[in-house]
Amino acid sequence: MSGNNVLLDTNTALYLLKGDEVLKQYLQDKIFYVSCINEMELLGFKVIEKAEEIAIEFFLGECSVIDINQGIKNITINLRRKYKLKLPDAIVAATAIFLGIPLISADKHFGIITDLTFVQYQP
């Protein structure tokens, strides 16, 4: 994977969708990946307006959505055992590790994962 590839967590995707200019500048010229978990979280909000859904679907169309495979499953299992992460967070982190790309998230608890290249975003 190239140094321009990044995996976005759900919160960073939401910041982008809400127009966060600092994040937008930081991510300029980057290629976005999201886990299928992030896709489900973004589209699975209980209350979502049609315009928001369209914006999310357009955004996801600009990303590479990564489904769970055996390699991601194995890394997820190890992360859950070692760090006691919630399953969705473990899958997201495992996806970034599997792809060999940084994870960008506002959730600082990802920082404990030693095998993960983690970039904490502070809005």
PDB file of N, CA and C in Angstrom:
ATOM      1  N   MET A   1       0.832  -1.188   0.000  1.00  0.00           N
ATOM      2  CA  MET A   1       0.000   0.000   0.000  1.00  0.00           C
ATOM      3  C   MET A   1       0.875   1.248   0.000  1.00  0.00           C
ATOM      4  N   SER A   2       0.390   2.253  -0.646  1.00  0.00           N
ATOM      5  CA  SER A   2       1.112   3.522  -0.759  1.00  0.00           C
ATOM      6  C   SER A   2       0.978   4.342   0.518  1.00  0.00           C
ATOM      7  N   GLY A   3       1.887   5.283   0.698  1.00  0.00           N
ATOM      8  CA  GLY A   3       1.835   6.168   1.853  1.00  0.00           C
ATOM      9  C   GLY A   3       0.678   7.134   1.818  1.00  0.00           C
ATOM     10  N   ASN A   4      -0.090   7.153   0.747  1.00  0.00           N
ATOM     11  CA  ASN A   4      -1.250   8.038   0.648  1.00  0.00           C
ATOM     12  C   ASN A   4      -2.538   7.362   1.091  1.00  0.00           C
ATOM     13  N   ASN A   5      -2.470   6.105   1.485  1.00  0.00           N
ATOM     14  CA  ASN A   5      -3.660   5.354   1.868  1.00  0.00           C
ATOM     15  C   ASN A   5      -3.929   5.500   3.359  1.00  0.00           C
ATOM     16  N   VAL A   6      -5.196   5.715   3.714  1.00  0.00           N
ATOM     17  CA  VAL A   6      -5.594   5.811   5.118  1.00  0.00           C
ATOM     18  C   VAL A   6      -6.944   5.125   5.308  1.00  0.00           C
ATOM     19  N   LEU A   7      -7.118   4.553   6.493  1.00  0.00           N
ATOM     20  CA  LEU A   7      -8.414   3.994   6.873  1.00  0.00           C
ATOM     21  C   LEU A   7      -9.083   4.997   7.799  1.00  0.00           C
ATOM     22  N   LEU A   8     -10.276   5.407   7.449  1.00  0.00           N
ATOM     23  CA  LEU A   8     -11.015   6.372   8.250  1.00  0.00           C
ATOM     24  C   LEU A   8     -11.966   5.656   9.192  1.00  0.00           C
ATOM     25  N   ASP A   9     -11.976   6.081  10.433  1.00  0.00           N
ATOM     26  CA  ASP A   9     -12.965   5.584  11.382  1.00  0.00           C
ATOM     27  C   ASP A   9     -14.274   6.337  11.134  1.00  0.00           C
ATOM     28  N   THR A  10     -15.333   5.842  11.696  1.00  0.00           N
ATOM     29  CA  THR A  10     -16.647   6.452  11.495  1.00  0.00           C
ATOM     30  C   THR A  10     -16.649   7.914  11.912  1.00  0.00           C
ATOM     31  N   ASN A  11     -16.023   8.236  13.046  1.00  0.00           N
ATOM     32  CA  ASN A  11     -16.071   9.624  13.509  1.00  0.00           C
ATOM     33  C   ASN A  11     -15.338  10.564  12.559  1.00  0.00           C
ATOM     34  N   THR A  12     -14.215  10.149  11.979  1.00  0.00           N
ATOM     35  CA  THR A  12     -13.522  11.033  11.050  1.00  0.00           C
ATOM     36  C   THR A  12     -14.311  11.192   9.753  1.00  0.00           C
ATOM     37  N   ALA A  13     -14.985  10.129   9.330  1.00  0.00           N
ATOM     38  CA  ALA A  13     -15.851  10.240   8.153  1.00  0.00           C
ATOM     39  C   ALA A  13     -16.962  11.245   8.419  1.00  0.00           C
ATOM     40  N   LEU A  14     -17.534  11.207   9.613  1.00  0.00           N
ATOM     41  CA  LEU A  14     -18.596  12.154   9.959  1.00  0.00           C
ATOM     42  C   LEU A  14     -18.079  13.591  10.007  1.00  0.00           C
ATOM     43  N   TYR A  15     -16.870  13.771  10.543  1.00  0.00           N
ATOM     44  CA  TYR A  15     -16.283  15.117  10.542  1.00  0.00           C
ATOM     45  C   TYR A  15     -16.120  15.632   9.110  1.00  0.00           C
ATOM     46  N   LEU A  16     -15.658  14.779   8.227  1.00  0.00           N
ATOM     47  CA  LEU A  16     -15.516  15.177   6.825  1.00  0.00           C
ATOM     48  C   LEU A  16     -16.864  15.532   6.214  1.00  0.00           C
ATOM     49  N   LEU A  17     -17.855  14.690   6.472  1.00  0.00           N
ATOM     50  CA  LEU A  17     -19.189  14.930   5.916  1.00  0.00           C
ATOM     51  C   LEU A  17     -19.806  16.223   6.444  1.00  0.00           C
ATOM     52  N   LYS A  18     -19.407  16.621   7.652  1.00  0.00           N
ATOM     53  CA  LYS A  18     -19.922  17.868   8.237  1.00  0.00           C
ATOM     54  C   LYS A  18     -19.081  19.074   7.826  1.00  0.00           C
ATOM     55  N   GLY A  19     -18.054  18.850   6.991  1.00  0.00           N
ATOM     56  CA  GLY A  19     -17.297  19.958   6.447  1.00  0.00           C
ATOM     57  C   GLY A  19     -16.094  20.405   7.245  1.00  0.00           C
ATOM     58  N   ASP A  20     -15.516  19.541   8.052  1.00  0.00           N
ATOM     59  CA  ASP A  20     -14.332  19.892   8.847  1.00  0.00           C
ATOM     60  C   ASP A  20     -13.180  20.246   7.902  1.00  0.00           C
ATOM     61  N   GLU A  21     -12.848  21.533   7.821  1.00  0.00           N
ATOM     62  CA  GLU A  21     -11.830  22.013   6.883  1.00  0.00           C
ATOM     63  C   GLU A  21     -10.419  21.592   7.266  1.00  0.00           C
ATOM     64  N   VAL A  22     -10.121  21.533   8.553  1.00  0.00           N
ATOM     65  CA  VAL A  22      -8.789  21.114   8.996  1.00  0.00           C
ATOM     66  C   VAL A  22      -8.541  19.668   8.568  1.00  0.00           C
ATOM     67  N   LEU A  23      -9.502  18.806   8.822  1.00  0.00           N
ATOM     68  CA  LEU A  23      -9.371  17.401   8.434  1.00  0.00           C
ATOM     69  C   LEU A  23      -9.316  17.259   6.917  1.00  0.00           C
ATOM     70  N   LYS A  24     -10.141  18.027   6.244  1.00  0.00           N
ATOM     71  CA  LYS A  24     -10.156  17.987   4.783  1.00  0.00           C
ATOM     72  C   LYS A  24      -8.783  18.342   4.218  1.00  0.00           C
ATOM     73  N   GLN A  25      -8.152  19.371   4.756  1.00  0.00           N
ATOM     74  CA  GLN A  25      -6.807  19.757   4.309  1.00  0.00           C
ATOM     75  C   GLN A  25      -5.795  18.648   4.593  1.00  0.00           C
ATOM     76  N   TYR A  26      -5.882  18.083   5.801  1.00  0.00           N
ATOM     77  CA  TYR A  26      -4.950  17.021   6.198  1.00  0.00           C
ATOM     78  C   TYR A  26      -5.056  15.806   5.275  1.00  0.00           C
ATOM     79  N   LEU A  27      -6.253  15.510   4.843  1.00  0.00           N
ATOM     80  CA  LEU A  27      -6.500  14.300   4.052  1.00  0.00           C
ATOM     81  C   LEU A  27      -6.425  14.540   2.546  1.00  0.00           C
ATOM     82  N   GLN A  28      -6.114  15.773   2.154  1.00  0.00           N
ATOM     83  CA  GLN A  28      -6.030  16.083   0.738  1.00  0.00           C
ATOM     84  C   GLN A  28      -4.999  15.168   0.080  1.00  0.00           C
ATOM     85  N   ASP A  29      -5.330  14.665  -1.082  1.00  0.00           N
ATOM     86  CA  ASP A  29      -4.474  13.767  -1.867  1.00  0.00           C
ATOM     87  C   ASP A  29      -4.314  12.381  -1.247  1.00  0.00           C
ATOM     88  N   LYS A  30      -5.120  12.035  -0.266  1.00  0.00           N
ATOM     89  CA  LYS A  30      -5.075  10.701   0.337  1.00  0.00           C
ATOM     90  C   LYS A  30      -6.144   9.820  -0.332  1.00  0.00           C
ATOM     91  N   ILE A  31      -5.908   8.532  -0.282  1.00  0.00           N
ATOM     92  CA  ILE A  31      -6.881   7.552  -0.763  1.00  0.00           C
ATOM     93  C   ILE A  31      -7.550   6.957   0.461  1.00  0.00           C
ATOM     94  N   PHE A  32      -8.875   7.034   0.498  1.00  0.00           N
ATOM     95  CA  PHE A  32      -9.642   6.630   1.679  1.00  0.00           C
ATOM     96  C   PHE A  32     -10.106   5.184   1.590  1.00  0.00           C
ATOM     97  N   TYR A  33      -9.948   4.500   2.719  1.00  0.00           N
ATOM     98  CA  TYR A  33     -10.504   3.171   2.921  1.00  0.00           C
ATOM     99  C   TYR A  33     -11.395   3.236   4.157  1.00  0.00           C
ATOM    100  N   VAL A  34     -12.414   2.428   4.181  1.00  0.00           N
ATOM    101  CA  VAL A  34     -13.231   2.248   5.374  1.00  0.00           C
ATOM    102  C   VAL A  34     -13.533   0.764   5.509  1.00  0.00           C
ATOM    103  N   SER A  35     -13.691   0.342   6.734  1.00  0.00           N
ATOM    104  CA  SER A  35     -14.110  -1.030   7.000  1.00  0.00           C
ATOM    105  C   SER A  35     -15.608  -1.141   6.718  1.00  0.00           C
ATOM    106  N   CYS A  36     -16.050  -2.340   6.410  1.00  0.00           N
ATOM    107  CA  CYS A  36     -17.489  -2.557   6.249  1.00  0.00           C
ATOM    108  C   CYS A  36     -18.231  -2.205   7.537  1.00  0.00           C
ATOM    109  N   ILE A  37     -17.536  -2.275   8.669  1.00  0.00           N
ATOM    110  CA  ILE A  37     -18.124  -1.862   9.950  1.00  0.00           C
ATOM    111  C   ILE A  37     -18.448  -0.377   9.916  1.00  0.00           C
ATOM    112  N   ASN A  38     -17.504   0.436   9.423  1.00  0.00           N
ATOM    113  CA  ASN A  38     -17.738   1.875   9.317  1.00  0.00           C
ATOM    114  C   ASN A  38     -18.908   2.162   8.378  1.00  0.00           C
ATOM    115  N   GLU A  39     -18.965   1.437   7.276  1.00  0.00           N
ATOM    116  CA  GLU A  39     -20.076   1.593   6.332  1.00  0.00           C
ATOM    117  C   GLU A  39     -21.413   1.333   7.030  1.00  0.00           C
ATOM    118  N   MET A  40     -21.477   0.252   7.790  1.00  0.00           N
ATOM    119  CA  MET A  40     -22.721  -0.088   8.490  1.00  0.00           C
ATOM    120  C   MET A  40     -23.057   0.949   9.560  1.00  0.00           C
ATOM    121  N   GLU A  41     -22.031   1.444  10.263  1.00  0.00           N
ATOM    122  CA  GLU A  41     -22.286   2.459  11.278  1.00  0.00           C
ATOM    123  C   GLU A  41     -22.795   3.749  10.641  1.00  0.00           C
ATOM    124  N   LEU A  42     -22.185   4.163   9.546  1.00  0.00           N
ATOM    125  CA  LEU A  42     -22.597   5.401   8.888  1.00  0.00           C
ATOM    126  C   LEU A  42     -24.021   5.324   8.356  1.00  0.00           C
ATOM    127  N   LEU A  43     -24.357   4.221   7.729  1.00  0.00           N
ATOM    128  CA  LEU A  43     -25.690   4.091   7.131  1.00  0.00           C
ATOM    129  C   LEU A  43     -26.742   3.578   8.114  1.00  0.00           C
ATOM    130  N   GLY A  44     -26.309   3.126   9.286  1.00  0.00           N
ATOM    131  CA  GLY A  44     -27.237   2.503  10.228  1.00  0.00           C
ATOM    132  C   GLY A  44     -27.747   3.412  11.331  1.00  0.00           C
ATOM    133  N   PHE A  45     -27.518   4.712  11.213  1.00  0.00           N
ATOM    134  CA  PHE A  45     -28.049   5.613  12.233  1.00  0.00           C
ATOM    135  C   PHE A  45     -29.561   5.498  12.288  1.00  0.00           C
ATOM    136  N   LYS A  46     -30.079   5.518  13.511  1.00  0.00           N
ATOM    137  CA  LYS A  46     -31.517   5.351  13.720  1.00  0.00           C
ATOM    138  C   LYS A  46     -32.315   6.444  13.009  1.00  0.00           C
ATOM    139  N   VAL A  47     -31.862   7.668  13.155  1.00  0.00           N
ATOM    140  CA  VAL A  47     -32.544   8.798  12.531  1.00  0.00           C
ATOM    141  C   VAL A  47     -31.594   9.380  11.485  1.00  0.00           C
ATOM    142  N   ILE A  48     -31.913   9.141  10.233  1.00  0.00           N
ATOM    143  CA  ILE A  48     -31.083   9.652   9.147  1.00  0.00           C
ATOM    144  C   ILE A  48     -32.003  10.206   8.066  1.00  0.00           C
ATOM    145  N   GLU A  49     -31.751  11.429   7.675  1.00  0.00           N
ATOM    146  CA  GLU A  49     -32.555  12.048   6.628  1.00  0.00           C
ATOM    147  C   GLU A  49     -32.064  11.576   5.265  1.00  0.00           C
ATOM    148  N   LYS A  50     -32.936  11.654   4.280  1.00  0.00           N
ATOM    149  CA  LYS A  50     -32.606  11.168   2.944  1.00  0.00           C
ATOM    150  C   LYS A  50     -31.381  11.891   2.384  1.00  0.00           C
ATOM    151  N   ALA A  51     -31.293  13.200   2.585  1.00  0.00           N
ATOM    152  CA  ALA A  51     -30.142  13.963   2.083  1.00  0.00           C
ATOM    153  C   ALA A  51     -28.846  13.495   2.742  1.00  0.00           C
ATOM    154  N   GLU A  52     -28.895  13.177   4.030  1.00  0.00           N
ATOM    155  CA  GLU A  52     -27.715  12.661   4.728  1.00  0.00           C
ATOM    156  C   GLU A  52     -27.324  11.290   4.181  1.00  0.00           C
ATOM    157  N   GLU A  53     -28.310  10.456   3.956  1.00  0.00           N
ATOM    158  CA  GLU A  53     -28.051   9.126   3.414  1.00  0.00           C
ATOM    159  C   GLU A  53     -27.399   9.222   2.032  1.00  0.00           C
ATOM    160  N   ILE A  54     -27.883  10.132   1.211  1.00  0.00           N
ATOM    161  CA  ILE A  54     -27.314  10.324  -0.125  1.00  0.00           C
ATOM    162  C   ILE A  54     -25.867  10.796  -0.017  1.00  0.00           C
ATOM    163  N   ALA A  55     -25.606  11.740   0.899  1.00  0.00           N
ATOM    164  CA  ALA A  55     -24.243  12.253   1.090  1.00  0.00           C
ATOM    165  C   ALA A  55     -23.308  11.139   1.572  1.00  0.00           C
ATOM    166  N   ILE A  56     -23.789  10.311   2.494  1.00  0.00           N
ATOM    167  CA  ILE A  56     -22.978   9.201   3.001  1.00  0.00           C
ATOM    168  C   ILE A  56     -22.699   8.196   1.888  1.00  0.00           C
ATOM    169  N   GLU A  57     -23.711   7.869   1.108  1.00  0.00           N
ATOM    170  CA  GLU A  57     -23.527   6.913   0.019  1.00  0.00           C
ATOM    171  C   GLU A  57     -22.550   7.458  -1.029  1.00  0.00           C
ATOM    172  N   PHE A  58     -22.623   8.752  -1.309  1.00  0.00           N
ATOM    173  CA  PHE A  58     -21.665   9.354  -2.239  1.00  0.00           C
ATOM    174  C   PHE A  58     -20.253   9.268  -1.666  1.00  0.00           C
ATOM    175  N   PHE A  59     -20.116   9.621  -0.387  1.00  0.00           N
ATOM    176  CA  PHE A  59     -18.820   9.551   0.274  1.00  0.00           C
ATOM    177  C   PHE A  59     -18.260   8.127   0.219  1.00  0.00           C
ATOM    178  N   LEU A  60     -19.085   7.140   0.546  1.00  0.00           N
ATOM    179  CA  LEU A  60     -18.643   5.744   0.523  1.00  0.00           C
ATOM    180  C   LEU A  60     -18.254   5.305  -0.890  1.00  0.00           C
ATOM    181  N   GLY A  61     -18.899   5.886  -1.886  1.00  0.00           N
ATOM    182  CA  GLY A  61     -18.543   5.593  -3.268  1.00  0.00           C
ATOM    183  C   GLY A  61     -17.155   6.082  -3.628  1.00  0.00           C
ATOM    184  N   GLU A  62     -16.666   7.060  -2.877  1.00  0.00           N
ATOM    185  CA  GLU A  62     -15.323   7.602  -3.092  1.00  0.00           C
ATOM    186  C   GLU A  62     -14.263   6.824  -2.301  1.00  0.00           C
ATOM    187  N   CYS A  63     -14.704   5.918  -1.455  1.00  0.00           N
ATOM    188  CA  CYS A  63     -13.804   5.122  -0.612  1.00  0.00           C
ATOM    189  C   CYS A  63     -13.739   3.689  -1.131  1.00  0.00           C
ATOM    190  N   SER A  64     -12.705   2.997  -0.712  1.00  0.00           N
ATOM    191  CA  SER A  64     -12.680   1.550  -0.892  1.00  0.00           C
ATOM    192  C   SER A  64     -13.202   0.931   0.396  1.00  0.00           C
ATOM    193  N   VAL A  65     -14.319   0.227   0.307  1.00  0.00           N
ATOM    194  CA  VAL A  65     -14.916  -0.419   1.471  1.00  0.00           C
ATOM    195  C   VAL A  65     -14.344  -1.830   1.558  1.00  0.00           C
ATOM    196  N   ILE A  66     -13.747  -2.140   2.706  1.00  0.00           N
ATOM    197  CA  ILE A  66     -13.067  -3.418   2.888  1.00  0.00           C
ATOM    198  C   ILE A  66     -13.948  -4.363   3.705  1.00  0.00           C
ATOM    199  N   ASP A  67     -14.301  -5.480   3.095  1.00  0.00           N
ATOM    200  CA  ASP A  67     -15.078  -6.502   3.792  1.00  0.00           C
ATOM    201  C   ASP A  67     -14.157  -7.341   4.683  1.00  0.00           C
ATOM    202  N   ILE A  68     -14.762  -8.057   5.582  1.00  0.00           N
ATOM    203  CA  ILE A  68     -14.011  -8.914   6.494  1.00  0.00           C
ATOM    204  C   ILE A  68     -13.579 -10.176   5.748  1.00  0.00           C
ATOM    205  N   ASN A  69     -12.296 -10.495   5.881  1.00  0.00           N
ATOM    206  CA  ASN A  69     -11.774 -11.732   5.305  1.00  0.00           C
ATOM    207  C   ASN A  69     -11.097 -12.529   6.429  1.00  0.00           C
ATOM    208  N   GLN A  70     -10.532 -13.669   6.091  1.00  0.00           N
ATOM    209  CA  GLN A  70      -9.945 -14.518   7.131  1.00  0.00           C
ATOM    210  C   GLN A  70      -8.775 -13.829   7.834  1.00  0.00           C
ATOM    211  N   GLY A  71      -7.964 -13.106   7.094  1.00  0.00           N
ATOM    212  CA  GLY A  71      -6.841 -12.396   7.712  1.00  0.00           C
ATOM    213  C   GLY A  71      -7.314 -11.362   8.721  1.00  0.00           C
ATOM    214  N   ILE A  72      -8.337 -10.592   8.356  1.00  0.00           N
ATOM    215  CA  ILE A  72      -8.900  -9.587   9.271  1.00  0.00           C
ATOM    216  C   ILE A  72      -9.532 -10.280  10.477  1.00  0.00           C
ATOM    217  N   LYS A  73     -10.197 -11.401  10.259  1.00  0.00           N
ATOM    218  CA  LYS A  73     -10.783 -12.157  11.374  1.00  0.00           C
ATOM    219  C   LYS A  73      -9.708 -12.577  12.369  1.00  0.00           C
ATOM    220  N   ASN A  74      -8.617 -13.123  11.864  1.00  0.00           N
ATOM    221  CA  ASN A  74      -7.543 -13.586  12.753  1.00  0.00           C
ATOM    222  C   ASN A  74      -6.938 -12.438  13.558  1.00  0.00           C
ATOM    223  N   ILE A  75      -6.699 -11.310  12.912  1.00  0.00           N
ATOM    224  CA  ILE A  75      -6.146 -10.153  13.617  1.00  0.00           C
ATOM    225  C   ILE A  75      -7.155  -9.640  14.641  1.00  0.00           C
ATOM    226  N   THR A  76      -8.437  -9.620  14.273  1.00  0.00           N
ATOM    227  CA  THR A  76      -9.487  -9.171  15.188  1.00  0.00           C
ATOM    228  C   THR A  76      -9.509 -10.012  16.450  1.00  0.00           C
ATOM    229  N   ILE A  77      -9.432 -11.310  16.295  1.00  0.00           N
ATOM    230  CA  ILE A  77      -9.443 -12.222  17.448  1.00  0.00           C
ATOM    231  C   ILE A  77      -8.265 -11.912  18.366  1.00  0.00           C
ATOM    232  N   ASN A  78      -7.088 -11.736  17.788  1.00  0.00           N
ATOM    233  CA  ASN A  78      -5.910 -11.429  18.602  1.00  0.00           C
ATOM    234  C   ASN A  78      -6.042 -10.085  19.310  1.00  0.00           C
ATOM    235  N   LEU A  79      -6.576  -9.085  18.615  1.00  0.00           N
ATOM    236  CA  LEU A  79      -6.762  -7.760  19.229  1.00  0.00           C
ATOM    237  C   LEU A  79      -7.758  -7.815  20.382  1.00  0.00           C
ATOM    238  N   ARG A  80      -8.846  -8.550  20.191  1.00  0.00           N
ATOM    239  CA  ARG A  80      -9.853  -8.665  21.263  1.00  0.00           C
ATOM    240  C   ARG A  80      -9.256  -9.342  22.485  1.00  0.00           C
ATOM    241  N   ARG A  81      -8.478 -10.386  22.279  1.00  0.00           N
ATOM    242  CA  ARG A  81      -7.858 -11.103  23.401  1.00  0.00           C
ATOM    243  C   ARG A  81      -6.837 -10.228  24.116  1.00  0.00           C
ATOM    244  N   LYS A  82      -6.010  -9.525  23.348  1.00  0.00           N
ATOM    245  CA  LYS A  82      -4.915  -8.762  23.928  1.00  0.00           C
ATOM    246  C   LYS A  82      -5.360  -7.435  24.544  1.00  0.00           C
ATOM    247  N   TYR A  83      -6.309  -6.742  23.890  1.00  0.00           N
ATOM    248  CA  TYR A  83      -6.666  -5.380  24.319  1.00  0.00           C
ATOM    249  C   TYR A  83      -8.096  -5.234  24.832  1.00  0.00           C
ATOM    250  N   LYS A  84      -8.874  -6.309  24.764  1.00  0.00           N
ATOM    251  CA  LYS A  84     -10.259  -6.284  25.245  1.00  0.00           C
ATOM    252  C   LYS A  84     -11.088  -5.170  24.586  1.00  0.00           C
ATOM    253  N   LEU A  85     -10.900  -5.013  23.288  1.00  0.00           N
ATOM    254  CA  LEU A  85     -11.632  -4.014  22.516  1.00  0.00           C
ATOM    255  C   LEU A  85     -13.043  -4.501  22.212  1.00  0.00           C
ATOM    256  N   LYS A  86     -13.940  -3.552  21.997  1.00  0.00           N
ATOM    257  CA  LYS A  86     -15.262  -3.900  21.490  1.00  0.00           C
ATOM    258  C   LYS A  86     -15.074  -4.462  20.086  1.00  0.00           C
ATOM    259  N   LEU A  87     -15.948  -5.383  19.716  1.00  0.00           N
ATOM    260  CA  LEU A  87     -15.805  -6.067  18.434  1.00  0.00           C
ATOM    261  C   LEU A  87     -15.718  -5.098  17.248  1.00  0.00           C
ATOM    262  N   PRO A  88     -16.601  -4.097  17.118  1.00  0.00           N
ATOM    263  CA  PRO A  88     -16.474  -3.192  15.963  1.00  0.00           C
ATOM    264  C   PRO A  88     -15.118  -2.478  15.914  1.00  0.00           C
ATOM    265  N   ASP A  89     -14.630  -2.015  17.060  1.00  0.00           N
ATOM    266  CA  ASP A  89     -13.333  -1.334  17.094  1.00  0.00           C
ATOM    267  C   ASP A  89     -12.198  -2.287  16.740  1.00  0.00           C
ATOM    268  N   ALA A  90     -12.287  -3.509  17.199  1.00  0.00           N
ATOM    269  CA  ALA A  90     -11.260  -4.501  16.886  1.00  0.00           C
ATOM    270  C   ALA A  90     -11.243  -4.800  15.390  1.00  0.00           C
ATOM    271  N   ILE A  91     -12.407  -4.869  14.762  1.00  0.00           N
ATOM    272  CA  ILE A  91     -12.475  -5.129  13.319  1.00  0.00           C
ATOM    273  C   ILE A  91     -11.888  -3.954  12.538  1.00  0.00           C
ATOM    274  N   VAL A  92     -12.217  -2.740  12.947  1.00  0.00           N
ATOM    275  CA  VAL A  92     -11.686  -1.557  12.263  1.00  0.00           C
ATOM    276  C   VAL A  92     -10.163  -1.523  12.381  1.00  0.00           C
ATOM    277  N   ALA A  93      -9.646  -1.704  13.583  1.00  0.00           N
ATOM    278  CA  ALA A  93      -8.192  -1.705  13.787  1.00  0.00           C
ATOM    279  C   ALA A  93      -7.538  -2.844  13.001  1.00  0.00           C
ATOM    280  N   ALA A  94      -8.146  -4.009  13.024  1.00  0.00           N
ATOM    281  CA  ALA A  94      -7.602  -5.168  12.304  1.00  0.00           C
ATOM    282  C   ALA A  94      -7.563  -4.903  10.799  1.00  0.00           C
ATOM    283  N   THR A  95      -8.543  -4.198  10.301  1.00  0.00           N
ATOM    284  CA  THR A  95      -8.574  -3.869   8.873  1.00  0.00           C
ATOM    285  C   THR A  95      -7.383  -2.995   8.501  1.00  0.00           C
ATOM    286  N   ALA A  96      -7.109  -1.983   9.328  1.00  0.00           N
ATOM    287  CA  ALA A  96      -5.956  -1.109   9.067  1.00  0.00           C
ATOM    288  C   ALA A  96      -4.647  -1.891   9.156  1.00  0.00           C
ATOM    289  N   ILE A  97      -4.537  -2.742  10.147  1.00  0.00           N
ATOM    290  CA  ILE A  97      -3.325  -3.555  10.302  1.00  0.00           C
ATOM    291  C   ILE A  97      -3.160  -4.486   9.104  1.00  0.00           C
ATOM    292  N   PHE A  98      -4.244  -5.144   8.706  1.00  0.00           N
ATOM    293  CA  PHE A  98      -4.208  -6.070   7.575  1.00  0.00           C
ATOM    294  C   PHE A  98      -3.756  -5.364   6.296  1.00  0.00           C
ATOM    295  N   LEU A  99      -4.268  -4.140   6.085  1.00  0.00           N
ATOM    296  CA  LEU A  99      -3.916  -3.384   4.884  1.00  0.00           C
ATOM    297  C   LEU A  99      -2.547  -2.710   4.990  1.00  0.00           C
ATOM    298  N   GLY A 100      -2.038  -2.596   6.218  1.00  0.00           N
ATOM    299  CA  GLY A 100      -0.760  -1.931   6.422  1.00  0.00           C
ATOM    300  C   GLY A 100      -0.831  -0.431   6.235  1.00  0.00           C
ATOM    301  N   ILE A 101      -1.971   0.165   6.628  1.00  0.00           N
ATOM    302  CA  ILE A 101      -2.168   1.606   6.476  1.00  0.00           C
ATOM    303  C   ILE A 101      -2.584   2.219   7.813  1.00  0.00           C
ATOM    304  N   PRO A 102      -2.388   3.531   7.979  1.00  0.00           N
ATOM    305  CA  PRO A 102      -2.778   4.185   9.229  1.00  0.00           C
ATOM    306  C   PRO A 102      -4.298   4.251   9.392  1.00  0.00           C
ATOM    307  N   LEU A 103      -4.724   4.190  10.634  1.00  0.00           N
ATOM    308  CA  LEU A 103      -6.111   4.423  11.013  1.00  0.00           C
ATOM    309  C   LEU A 103      -6.197   5.831  11.567  1.00  0.00           C
ATOM    310  N   ILE A 104      -7.133   6.615  11.058  1.00  0.00           N
ATOM    311  CA  ILE A 104      -7.358   7.964  11.575  1.00  0.00           C
ATOM    312  C   ILE A 104      -8.689   7.961  12.306  1.00  0.00           C
ATOM    313  N   SER A 105      -8.633   8.313  13.588  1.00  0.00           N
ATOM    314  CA  SER A 105      -9.819   8.295  14.435  1.00  0.00           C
ATOM    315  C   SER A 105      -9.677   9.326  15.544  1.00  0.00           C
ATOM    316  N   ALA A 106     -10.805   9.789  16.043  1.00  0.00           N
ATOM    317  CA  ALA A 106     -10.816  10.662  17.221  1.00  0.00           C
ATOM    318  C   ALA A 106     -10.840   9.836  18.505  1.00  0.00           C
ATOM    319  N   ASP A 107     -10.976   8.538  18.391  1.00  0.00           N
ATOM    320  CA  ASP A 107     -11.046   7.650  19.553  1.00  0.00           C
ATOM    321  C   ASP A 107      -9.638   7.285  20.010  1.00  0.00           C
ATOM    322  N   LYS A 108      -9.211   7.878  21.117  1.00  0.00           N
ATOM    323  CA  LYS A 108      -7.827   7.717  21.564  1.00  0.00           C
ATOM    324  C   LYS A 108      -7.485   6.309  22.025  1.00  0.00           C
ATOM    325  N   HIS A 109      -8.483   5.482  22.342  1.00  0.00           N
ATOM    326  CA  HIS A 109      -8.177   4.132  22.831  1.00  0.00           C
ATOM    327  C   HIS A 109      -7.471   3.269  21.784  1.00  0.00           C
ATOM    328  N   PHE A 110      -7.535   3.655  20.508  1.00  0.00           N
ATOM    329  CA  PHE A 110      -6.796   2.909  19.489  1.00  0.00           C
ATOM    330  C   PHE A 110      -5.286   3.042  19.702  1.00  0.00           C
ATOM    331  N   GLY A 111      -4.865   4.057  20.431  1.00  0.00           N
ATOM    332  CA  GLY A 111      -3.452   4.295  20.665  1.00  0.00           C
ATOM    333  C   GLY A 111      -2.746   3.203  21.455  1.00  0.00           C
ATOM    334  N   ILE A 112      -3.486   2.344  22.130  1.00  0.00           N
ATOM    335  CA  ILE A 112      -2.869   1.275  22.918  1.00  0.00           C
ATOM    336  C   ILE A 112      -2.403   0.102  22.056  1.00  0.00           C
ATOM    337  N   ILE A 113      -2.854   0.052  20.817  1.00  0.00           N
ATOM    338  CA  ILE A 113      -2.565  -1.093  19.948  1.00  0.00           C
ATOM    339  C   ILE A 113      -1.189  -0.907  19.318  1.00  0.00           C
ATOM    340  N   THR A 114      -0.255  -1.721  19.734  1.00  0.00           N
ATOM    341  CA  THR A 114       1.134  -1.542  19.307  1.00  0.00           C
ATOM    342  C   THR A 114       1.362  -1.875  17.834  1.00  0.00           C
ATOM    343  N   ASP A 115       0.587  -2.759  17.255  1.00  0.00           N
ATOM    344  CA  ASP A 115       0.763  -3.145  15.851  1.00  0.00           C
ATOM    345  C   ASP A 115       0.088  -2.185  14.880  1.00  0.00           C
ATOM    346  N   LEU A 116      -0.610  -1.197  15.396  1.00  0.00           N
ATOM    347  CA  LEU A 116      -1.416  -0.290  14.587  1.00  0.00           C
ATOM    348  C   LEU A 116      -0.707   1.047  14.409  1.00  0.00           C
ATOM    349  N   THR A 117      -0.674   1.534  13.175  1.00  0.00           N
ATOM    350  CA  THR A 117      -0.245   2.915  12.938  1.00  0.00           C
ATOM    351  C   THR A 117      -1.494   3.766  13.127  1.00  0.00           C
ATOM    352  N   PHE A 118      -1.507   4.518  14.208  1.00  0.00           N
ATOM    353  CA  PHE A 118      -2.702   5.259  14.606  1.00  0.00           C
ATOM    354  C   PHE A 118      -2.440   6.750  14.573  1.00  0.00           C
ATOM    355  N   VAL A 119      -3.343   7.475  13.935  1.00  0.00           N
ATOM    356  CA  VAL A 119      -3.294   8.924  13.916  1.00  0.00           C
ATOM    357  C   VAL A 119      -4.548   9.417  14.622  1.00  0.00           C
ATOM    358  N   GLN A 120      -4.368  10.024  15.774  1.00  0.00           N
ATOM    359  CA  GLN A 120      -5.518  10.535  16.519  1.00  0.00           C
ATOM    360  C   GLN A 120      -5.878  11.919  16.014  1.00  0.00           C
ATOM    361  N   TYR A 121      -7.120  12.071  15.605  1.00  0.00           N
ATOM    362  CA  TYR A 121      -7.610  13.372  15.164  1.00  0.00           C
ATOM    363  C   TYR A 121      -8.317  14.040  16.336  1.00  0.00           C
ATOM    364  N   GLN A 122      -7.955  15.282  16.565  1.00  0.00           N
ATOM    365  CA  GLN A 122      -8.585  16.054  17.635  1.00  0.00           C
ATOM    366  C   GLN A 122      -9.297  17.244  17.020  1.00  0.00           C
ATOM    367  N   PRO A 123     -10.613  17.125  16.864  1.00  0.00           N
ATOM    368  CA  PRO A 123     -11.370  18.218  16.222  1.00  0.00           C
ATOM    369  C   PRO A 123     -11.353  19.494  17.060  1.00  0.00           C
TER     370      PRO A 123
END
